[in-house]
Amino acid sequence: MKILGIGNAIVDVICKVNDQYLVENRLTKSTMKLVDEDEFKKLLSTLKIEETVSGGSVANSIVGLSQLGNNVGFIGKVNADDLGKKYEDGLIKEKVQYFYKKKQEVSPTGTCLILITPDAERTMVTFLGIAGRISEKDINEKAVKESEMIFLEGYLWDEGEPQSAFNKAMSFSTTKAMSLSDQFCVERHKNDFLDLIKNKLDITFANEQEIRSLIDAKSFEDVIEFGKRLGKLLIITRGEKGSIAIKNQEIVECQSKPNLKIVDLTGAGDLFAAGFLHGLINNISTKECLEKGTEMSSKIIQKVGARLD
């Protein structure tokens, strides 16, 4: 197996809203907020659902990698409820190997409201449910050892037990990649994330907001200097400014695609990572990896949701 993703197994519930809806519900545009089940149900009752999909950040990347013809797998915790069954079926349909045996749990399968505003930005409200309870017992040691690389999400660091799952997976893996996930996530776990990036990970994906927040950068030059000192592969997406990969003294840039009809930014970073990692595991140049990531993210932002057809 080429890549094993480990992340929050979340069913995405996609809804369109106006900016006023975010203001009224005290939500910050373009971020992810964790809520309890009651608050989640209250918000859901006020919304019209456009689509439901087996989601979660790394799961989206893994599906993208599968669609590009790679042999990939995923570990994420669901309940043996209706949504959990839908989640597993959704991954299997996309030819992703699912290395988790679901069972009856106290908490339901995790769910995320993806609220899309007219400017195509997405704001997420997540009830983690059982997804946030992944523990080291849920990590399939054999699957980790048999994969060439593991791909983790920063969101997993948000609860106690998942950190032990995270560390167990890293201890059995030869190549470790991670996405920083979200600016709020970075601000909550700044010291832990810096330690991971500097000492444990081989590859880190971040957007410009996330990496600047992580290192308290005053300018993008500070980010480049950090990347050069890091000595590991750091990939940064910058929206319309394109993307950049830094390793040691090598800096490779790629322009974003112009004149796109942007509908929904959900999954842009996830699909960028899928394209980049596809290039990496198939031994193409860093420039071509960035171009493949850009191609994938350009396609996904021109449709609703985080799945390419």
Foldseek 3Di string as FASTA:
>chain_A
DAEEEEFAFAKEFEFEDAPVVCVVVVFDFQFEAEDAPVVVVVVVVVTDTDDIAGDTQQLLLQLLLLVVPDAYEYFFAFAPDPVRVRNVVRSVVSVHHYQFDHYHDPWHRKYKYWYQYQVQTTYIYIHRTCRLVDALVRADLVVLLPYQEYEYELVNVVDDRSVNNVVNSLVNHDAYEYEPHGQVSCLVCLVVVVCCQQPRHQEYEYEPSNQCSSVVDPDVVVVQVCLQVSQHWYKYQYVQQAIWIGHNPDIDTDGADPDAPFNHQPQLSSQLVSQLVSCVSVPDDNNNSSVRSRVRSSVQRNDPDSDDD
